C-alpha atoms as a PDB file:
ATOM      1  CA  UNK A   1     -67.092 185.515  46.701  1.00  0.00           C
ATOM      2  CA  UNK A   2     -65.264 188.458  47.132  1.00  0.00           C
ATOM      3  CA  UNK A   3     -61.523 187.367  47.692  1.00  0.00           C
ATOM      4  CA  UNK A   4     -59.567 191.012  48.012  1.00  0.00           C
ATOM      5  CA  UNK A   5     -61.205 192.662  50.844  1.00  0.00           C
ATOM      6  CA  UNK A   6     -61.422 196.729  51.098  1.00  0.00           C
ATOM      7  CA  UNK A   7     -59.219 197.805  53.984  1.00  0.00           C
ATOM      8  CA  UNK A   8     -59.370 201.464  55.652  1.00  0.00           C
ATOM      9  CA  UNK A   9     -56.146 203.339  56.033  1.00  0.00           C
ATOM     10  CA  UNK A  10     -55.571 206.811  57.282  1.00  0.00           C
ATOM     11  CA  UNK A  11     -56.803 209.430  54.817  1.00  0.00           C
ATOM     12  CA  UNK A  12     -57.966 206.980  52.559  1.00  0.00           C
ATOM     13  CA  UNK A  13     -58.801 202.813  52.055  1.00  0.00           C
ATOM     14  CA  UNK A  14     -57.426 200.261  49.319  1.00  0.00           C
ATOM     15  CA  UNK A  15     -60.898 198.944  47.926  1.00  0.00           C
ATOM     16  CA  UNK A  16     -60.783 196.019  45.216  1.00  0.00           C
ATOM     17  CA  UNK A  17     -60.729 197.061  41.463  1.00  0.00           C
ATOM     18  CA  UNK A  18     -63.990 197.088  40.195  1.00  0.00           C
ATOM     19  CA  UNK A  19     -65.822 198.193  36.884  1.00  0.00           C
ATOM     20  CA  UNK A  20     -67.473 201.326  38.006  1.00  0.00           C
ATOM     21  CA  UNK A  21     -63.427 202.328  38.080  1.00  0.00           C
ATOM     22  CA  UNK A  22     -62.418 201.374  34.681  1.00  0.00           C
ATOM     23  CA  UNK A  23     -62.402 205.320  33.657  1.00  0.00           C
ATOM     24  CA  UNK A  24     -60.367 206.216  36.893  1.00  0.00           C
ATOM     25  CA  UNK A  25     -57.798 203.091  36.397  1.00  0.00           C
ATOM     26  CA  UNK A  26     -57.519 204.317  32.671  1.00  0.00           C
ATOM     27  CA  UNK A  27     -56.781 207.606  33.870  1.00  0.00           C
ATOM     28  CA  UNK A  28     -54.198 206.496  36.203  1.00  0.00           C
ATOM     29  CA  UNK A  29     -52.048 204.355  33.438  1.00  0.00           C
ATOM     30  CA  UNK A  30     -51.801 207.451  31.275  1.00  0.00           C
ATOM     31  CA  UNK A  31     -48.881 208.812  33.789  1.00  0.00           C
ATOM     32  CA  UNK A  32     -47.081 205.554  34.303  1.00  0.00           C
ATOM     33  CA  UNK A  33     -44.703 206.073  37.501  1.00  0.00           C
ATOM     34  CA  UNK A  34     -42.349 203.528  36.176  1.00  0.00           C
ATOM     35  CA  UNK A  35     -39.501 204.367  33.675  1.00  0.00           C
ATOM     36  CA  UNK A  36     -40.259 203.361  30.532  1.00  0.00           C
ATOM     37  CA  UNK A  37     -43.705 201.957  30.759  1.00  0.00           C
ATOM     38  CA  UNK A  38     -45.783 203.253  28.127  1.00  0.00           C
ATOM     39  CA  UNK A  39     -49.446 204.907  28.909  1.00  0.00           C
ATOM     40  CA  UNK A  40     -52.059 201.959  28.235  1.00  0.00           C
ATOM     41  CA  UNK A  41     -54.303 203.022  24.781  1.00  0.00           C
ATOM     42  CA  UNK A  42     -57.140 201.290  25.026  1.00  0.00           C
ATOM     43  CA  UNK A  43     -59.557 201.129  27.842  1.00  0.00           C
ATOM     44  CA  UNK A  44     -60.531 197.651  26.987  1.00  0.00           C
ATOM     45  CA  UNK A  45     -57.192 195.766  29.152  1.00  0.00           C
ATOM     46  CA  UNK A  46     -58.531 197.694  32.113  1.00  0.00           C
ATOM     47  CA  UNK A  47     -61.354 195.374  32.202  1.00  0.00           C
ATOM     48  CA  UNK A  48     -59.406 192.626  31.174  1.00  0.00           C
ATOM     49  CA  UNK A  49     -57.063 193.563  34.202  1.00  0.00           C
ATOM     50  CA  UNK A  50     -59.872 193.351  36.746  1.00  0.00           C
ATOM     51  CA  UNK A  51     -61.291 190.765  35.511  1.00  0.00           C
ATOM     52  CA  UNK A  52     -57.313 188.907  36.433  1.00  0.00           C
ATOM     53  CA  UNK A  53     -57.431 190.621  39.864  1.00  0.00           C
ATOM     54  CA  UNK A  54     -60.323 188.376  40.800  1.00  0.00           C
ATOM     55  CA  UNK A  55     -58.645 185.380  39.336  1.00  0.00           C
ATOM     56  CA  UNK A  56     -55.425 185.822  40.972  1.00  0.00           C
ATOM     57  CA  UNK A  57     -56.959 186.782  44.307  1.00  0.00           C
ATOM     58  CA  UNK A  58     -58.953 183.406  44.847  1.00  0.00           C
ATOM     59  CA  UNK A  59     -56.183 181.284  43.402  1.00  0.00           C
ATOM     60  CA  UNK A  60     -53.333 183.192  45.891  1.00  0.00           C
ATOM     61  CA  UNK A  61     -51.563 184.126  42.867  1.00  0.00           C
ATOM     62  CA  UNK A  62     -51.572 187.655  43.177  1.00  0.00           C
ATOM     63  CA  UNK A  63     -53.782 190.691  44.913  1.00  0.00           C
ATOM     64  CA  UNK A  64     -54.631 193.907  43.339  1.00  0.00           C
ATOM     65  CA  UNK A  65     -56.332 197.375  45.322  1.00  0.00           C
ATOM     66  CA  UNK A  66     -57.072 200.616  44.037  1.00  0.00           C
ATOM     67  CA  UNK A  67     -55.465 202.898  46.212  1.00  0.00           C
ATOM     68  CA  UNK A  68     -58.164 205.481  47.202  1.00  0.00           C
ATOM     69  CA  UNK A  69     -57.739 209.030  48.984  1.00  0.00           C
ATOM     70  CA  UNK A  70     -60.341 212.205  49.504  1.00  0.00           C
ATOM     71  CA  UNK A  71     -62.533 210.221  46.772  1.00  0.00           C
ATOM     72  CA  UNK A  72     -60.258 209.790  44.114  1.00  0.00           C
ATOM     73  CA  UNK A  73     -58.488 206.972  42.962  1.00  0.00           C
ATOM     74  CA  UNK A  74     -54.963 207.805  43.235  1.00  0.00           C
ATOM     75  CA  UNK A  75     -52.827 204.836  42.807  1.00  0.00           C
ATOM     76  CA  UNK A  76     -52.654 200.990  42.307  1.00  0.00           C
ATOM     77  CA  UNK A  77     -51.059 198.692  45.016  1.00  0.00           C
ATOM     78  CA  UNK A  78     -50.418 195.351  43.543  1.00  0.00           C
ATOM     79  CA  UNK A  79     -49.113 191.884  45.267  1.00  0.00           C
ATOM     80  CA  UNK A  80     -47.343 189.173  42.772  1.00  0.00           C
ATOM     81  CA  UNK A  81     -45.255 186.509  42.756  1.00  0.00           C
ATOM     82  CA  UNK A  82     -47.072 185.651  45.405  1.00  0.00           C
ATOM     83  CA  UNK A  83     -45.592 182.236  46.683  1.00  0.00           C
ATOM     84  CA  UNK A  84     -47.844 180.996  49.839  1.00  0.00           C
ATOM     85  CA  UNK A  85     -46.003 177.926  50.397  1.00  0.00           C
ATOM     86  CA  UNK A  86     -42.992 180.260  51.267  1.00  0.00           C
ATOM     87  CA  UNK A  87     -45.228 182.356  52.903  1.00  0.00           C
ATOM     88  CA  UNK A  88     -43.605 185.644  50.571  1.00  0.00           C
ATOM     89  CA  UNK A  89     -45.112 187.946  48.192  1.00  0.00           C
ATOM     90  CA  UNK A  90     -43.598 190.710  45.990  1.00  0.00           C
ATOM     91  CA  UNK A  91     -45.524 194.635  46.482  1.00  0.00           C
ATOM     92  CA  UNK A  92     -45.724 197.409  44.337  1.00  0.00           C
ATOM     93  CA  UNK A  93     -47.424 201.033  44.150  1.00  0.00           C
ATOM     94  CA  UNK A  94     -48.183 202.740  41.066  1.00  0.00           C
ATOM     95  CA  UNK A  95     -49.374 206.423  41.503  1.00  0.00           C
ATOM     96  CA  UNK A  96     -50.516 209.820  40.601  1.00  0.00           C
ATOM     97  CA  UNK A  97     -48.530 212.937  41.207  1.00  0.00           C
ATOM     98  CA  UNK A  98     -51.379 213.457  43.789  1.00  0.00           C
ATOM     99  CA  UNK A  99     -50.498 210.269  45.801  1.00  0.00           C
ATOM    100  CA  UNK A 100     -48.673 211.275  48.777  1.00  0.00           C
ATOM    101  CA  UNK A 101     -45.926 209.575  50.441  1.00  0.00           C
ATOM    102  CA  UNK A 102     -47.815 209.128  53.546  1.00  0.00           C
ATOM    103  CA  UNK A 103     -51.024 207.660  51.787  1.00  0.00           C
ATOM    104  CA  UNK A 104     -48.457 205.593  49.662  1.00  0.00           C
ATOM    105  CA  UNK A 105     -46.952 204.616  53.236  1.00  0.00           C
ATOM    106  CA  UNK A 106     -50.669 204.128  54.834  1.00  0.00           C
ATOM    107  CA  UNK A 107     -51.372 201.887  52.015  1.00  0.00           C
ATOM    108  CA  UNK A 108     -48.909 199.375  51.807  1.00  0.00           C
ATOM    109  CA  UNK A 109     -48.727 198.985  55.772  1.00  0.00           C
ATOM    110  CA  UNK A 110     -52.633 197.908  55.359  1.00  0.00           C
ATOM    111  CA  UNK A 111     -51.620 195.418  52.953  1.00  0.00           C
ATOM    112  CA  UNK A 112     -49.274 194.089  54.721  1.00  0.00           C
ATOM    113  CA  UNK A 113     -50.424 193.884  57.711  1.00  0.00           C
ATOM    114  CA  UNK A 114     -54.132 192.137  55.856  1.00  0.00           C
ATOM    115  CA  UNK A 115     -51.679 189.811  54.531  1.00  0.00           C
ATOM    116  CA  UNK A 116     -49.781 188.546  57.307  1.00  0.00           C
ATOM    117  CA  UNK A 117     -52.929 188.201  59.498  1.00  0.00           C
ATOM    118  CA  UNK A 118     -55.512 186.559  56.740  1.00  0.00           C
ATOM    119  CA  UNK A 119     -52.648 184.845  55.016  1.00  0.00           C
ATOM    120  CA  UNK A 120     -49.945 184.513  57.676  1.00  0.00           C
ATOM    121  CA  UNK A 121     -47.221 186.113  55.172  1.00  0.00           C
ATOM    122  CA  UNK A 122     -44.024 186.429  56.296  1.00  0.00           C
ATOM    123  CA  UNK A 123     -41.556 187.892  53.905  1.00  0.00           C
ATOM    124  CA  UNK A 124     -42.926 190.887  52.078  1.00  0.00           C
ATOM    125  CA  UNK A 125     -40.844 192.395  48.910  1.00  0.00           C
ATOM    126  CA  UNK A 126     -41.212 195.501  47.261  1.00  0.00           C
ATOM    127  CA  UNK A 127     -38.648 196.225  44.387  1.00  0.00           C
ATOM    128  CA  UNK A 128     -37.775 200.087  43.655  1.00  0.00           C
ATOM    129  CA  UNK A 129     -36.737 201.014  39.898  1.00  0.00           C
ATOM    130  CA  UNK A 130     -34.213 203.775  39.777  1.00  0.00           C
ATOM    131  CA  UNK A 131     -36.278 206.534  38.404  1.00  0.00           C
ATOM    132  CA  UNK A 132     -39.204 206.372  40.207  1.00  0.00           C
ATOM    133  CA  UNK A 133     -40.182 208.913  43.030  1.00  0.00           C
ATOM    134  CA  UNK A 134     -36.547 209.625  44.758  1.00  0.00           C
ATOM    135  CA  UNK A 135     -38.814 209.334  48.220  1.00  0.00           C
ATOM    136  CA  UNK A 136     -39.775 205.838  47.894  1.00  0.00           C
ATOM    137  CA  UNK A 137     -36.976 204.429  49.423  1.00  0.00           C
ATOM    138  CA  UNK A 138     -36.910 206.518  52.699  1.00  0.00           C
ATOM    139  CA  UNK A 139     -40.205 205.509  53.127  1.00  0.00           C
ATOM    140  CA  UNK A 140     -40.159 201.570  52.863  1.00  0.00           C
ATOM    141  CA  UNK A 141     -37.077 201.822  55.255  1.00  0.00           C
ATOM    142  CA  UNK A 142     -39.852 203.816  57.930  1.00  0.00           C
ATOM    143  CA  UNK A 143     -41.735 200.853  57.438  1.00  0.00           C
ATOM    144  CA  UNK A 144     -39.385 198.695  58.576  1.00  0.00           C
ATOM    145  CA  UNK A 145     -38.405 197.369  54.751  1.00  0.00           C
ATOM    146  CA  UNK A 146     -34.382 196.732  54.342  1.00  0.00           C
ATOM    147  CA  UNK A 147     -32.289 197.162  50.869  1.00  0.00           C
ATOM    148  CA  UNK A 148     -31.322 193.618  50.113  1.00  0.00           C
ATOM    149  CA  UNK A 149     -29.803 193.502  46.742  1.00  0.00           C
ATOM    150  CA  UNK A 150     -29.124 195.896  43.745  1.00  0.00           C
ATOM    151  CA  UNK A 151     -29.892 194.262  39.994  1.00  0.00           C
ATOM    152  CA  UNK A 152     -28.153 196.296  37.424  1.00  0.00           C
ATOM    153  CA  UNK A 153     -29.783 197.236  34.265  1.00  0.00           C
ATOM    154  CA  UNK A 154     -32.559 195.085  35.117  1.00  0.00           C
ATOM    155  CA  UNK A 155     -35.449 196.676  34.039  1.00  0.00           C
ATOM    156  CA  UNK A 156     -35.546 197.726  30.440  1.00  0.00           C
ATOM    157  CA  UNK A 157     -36.561 201.656  29.938  1.00  0.00           C
ATOM    158  CA  UNK A 158     -35.896 201.428  26.089  1.00  0.00           C
ATOM    159  CA  UNK A 159     -34.084 199.777  23.204  1.00  0.00           C
ATOM    160  CA  UNK A 160     -30.517 200.194  24.644  1.00  0.00           C
ATOM    161  CA  UNK A 161     -32.057 202.115  28.495  1.00  0.00           C
ATOM    162  CA  UNK A 162     -31.867 199.823  31.267  1.00  0.00           C
ATOM    163  CA  UNK A 163     -32.581 200.725  35.113  1.00  0.00           C
ATOM    164  CA  UNK A 164     -31.402 199.699  38.204  1.00  0.00           C
ATOM    165  CA  UNK A 165     -33.847 198.082  40.529  1.00  0.00           C
ATOM    166  CA  UNK A 166     -33.659 198.044  44.028  1.00  0.00           C
ATOM    167  CA  UNK A 167     -35.197 195.112  46.202  1.00  0.00           C
ATOM    168  CA  UNK A 168     -36.344 195.736  49.644  1.00  0.00           C
ATOM    169  CA  UNK A 169     -38.013 193.164  52.197  1.00  0.00           C
ATOM    170  CA  UNK A 170     -39.874 193.108  55.316  1.00  0.00           C
ATOM    171  CA  UNK A 171     -39.854 190.013  57.247  1.00  0.00           C
ATOM    172  CA  UNK A 172     -42.802 190.275  59.655  1.00  0.00           C
ATOM    173  CA  UNK A 173     -41.944 188.662  62.995  1.00  0.00           C
ATOM    174  CA  UNK A 174     -45.784 188.208  63.481  1.00  0.00           C
ATOM    175  CA  UNK A 175     -46.014 184.188  64.892  1.00  0.00           C
ATOM    176  CA  UNK A 176     -48.813 182.311  62.777  1.00  0.00           C
ATOM    177  CA  UNK A 177     -51.600 180.867  65.166  1.00  0.00           C
ATOM    178  CA  UNK A 178     -50.602 177.344  66.408  1.00  0.00           C
ATOM    179  CA  UNK A 179     -53.895 175.555  65.756  1.00  0.00           C
ATOM    180  CA  UNK A 180     -55.786 174.481  69.788  1.00  0.00           C
ATOM    181  CA  UNK A 181     -56.418 170.903  70.872  1.00  0.00           C
ATOM    182  CA  UNK A 182     -58.795 169.559  72.167  1.00  0.00           C
ATOM    183  CA  UNK A 183     -59.600 170.924  75.842  1.00  0.00           C
ATOM    184  CA  UNK A 184     -57.248 173.706  75.387  1.00  0.00           C
ATOM    185  CA  UNK A 185     -60.314 175.752  76.270  1.00  0.00           C
ATOM    186  CA  UNK A 186     -62.759 175.423  78.805  1.00  0.00           C
ATOM    187  CA  UNK A 187     -65.801 175.909  76.811  1.00  0.00           C
ATOM    188  CA  UNK A 188     -67.320 173.120  77.752  1.00  0.00           C
ATOM    189  CA  UNK A 189     -68.992 173.130  74.094  1.00  0.00           C
ATOM    190  CA  UNK A 190     -65.166 172.103  72.914  1.00  0.00           C
ATOM    191  CA  UNK A 191     -64.015 169.602  75.342  1.00  0.00           C
ATOM    192  CA  UNK A 192     -66.976 166.903  75.918  1.00  0.00           C
ATOM    193  CA  UNK A 193     -65.050 165.301  79.608  1.00  0.00           C
ATOM    194  CA  UNK A 194     -64.891 168.569  80.978  1.00  0.00           C
ATOM    195  CA  UNK A 195     -67.185 169.499  83.556  1.00  0.00           C
ATOM    196  CA  UNK A 196     -68.322 172.945  82.919  1.00  0.00           C
ATOM    197  CA  UNK A 197     -68.897 173.571  86.759  1.00  0.00           C
ATOM    198  CA  UNK A 198     -65.788 172.452  88.122  1.00  0.00           C
ATOM    199  CA  UNK A 199     -63.157 171.916  85.771  1.00  0.00           C
ATOM    200  CA  UNK A 200     -62.971 168.087  86.798  1.00  0.00           C
ATOM    201  CA  UNK A 201     -64.108 165.075  84.838  1.00  0.00           C
ATOM    202  CA  UNK A 202     -66.932 163.157  84.771  1.00  0.00           C
END
C-alpha cells in the first residue's frame, strides 16, 4: 500500500521516493542547501532513506516527496516531527539551484493542502536556517507563514560555527469535517426510518 501519493502542482509534481530515482537523489545531496551540510559519500544511503520514507509515512511519523520539474528531480520536500495528536508537522524543502522559488512555493502549497485534507493537520511549521537562499522567507510569507521565533545559534555549521534558525508557522483555518449522524442525509440507504418518496417515516 502506498501512503505517499503523487501530487501535481503548477509546473511539476511531488512524487514518492523511488529506487529508480536513486542516482538523481544522490546527485541532489551532492549540492546540499543547508549551511554546513556535507555531501553524501555513499549512494547506499539513498536506499536507506527511501525505505525510511515508506516506514515514516505508514506510521504517520513523517513524509517525503521528490520535487520534479520539467521531468527532472530538483528537490526534496520533507515533513518531520509529525505530531498527529496535535495536528502539527514541520516542513523543509531542499533544492538544487535549478529549483525556482515559484516551484518551491507550489510544492509546499500542494503538500499543505494534501496534509490538511487527508490528515486534518492544522499547524504547519517551516525552519529557515540563516545562510540558506535569502528568498525563502519572503516565499514563506507569501504562502501565509509567519515568523514565530528565532533560535539563536541553534544550527551547527562547523566545529565552532553556528547559525540562527528562523521558525515560521502557518495555521490552517480549514475546519475538520464533522462526522454525520444516521439520518443527516436523505439517502434512504443510510436512514431506514425515512420514506424515500415523502421524507416521512413508516
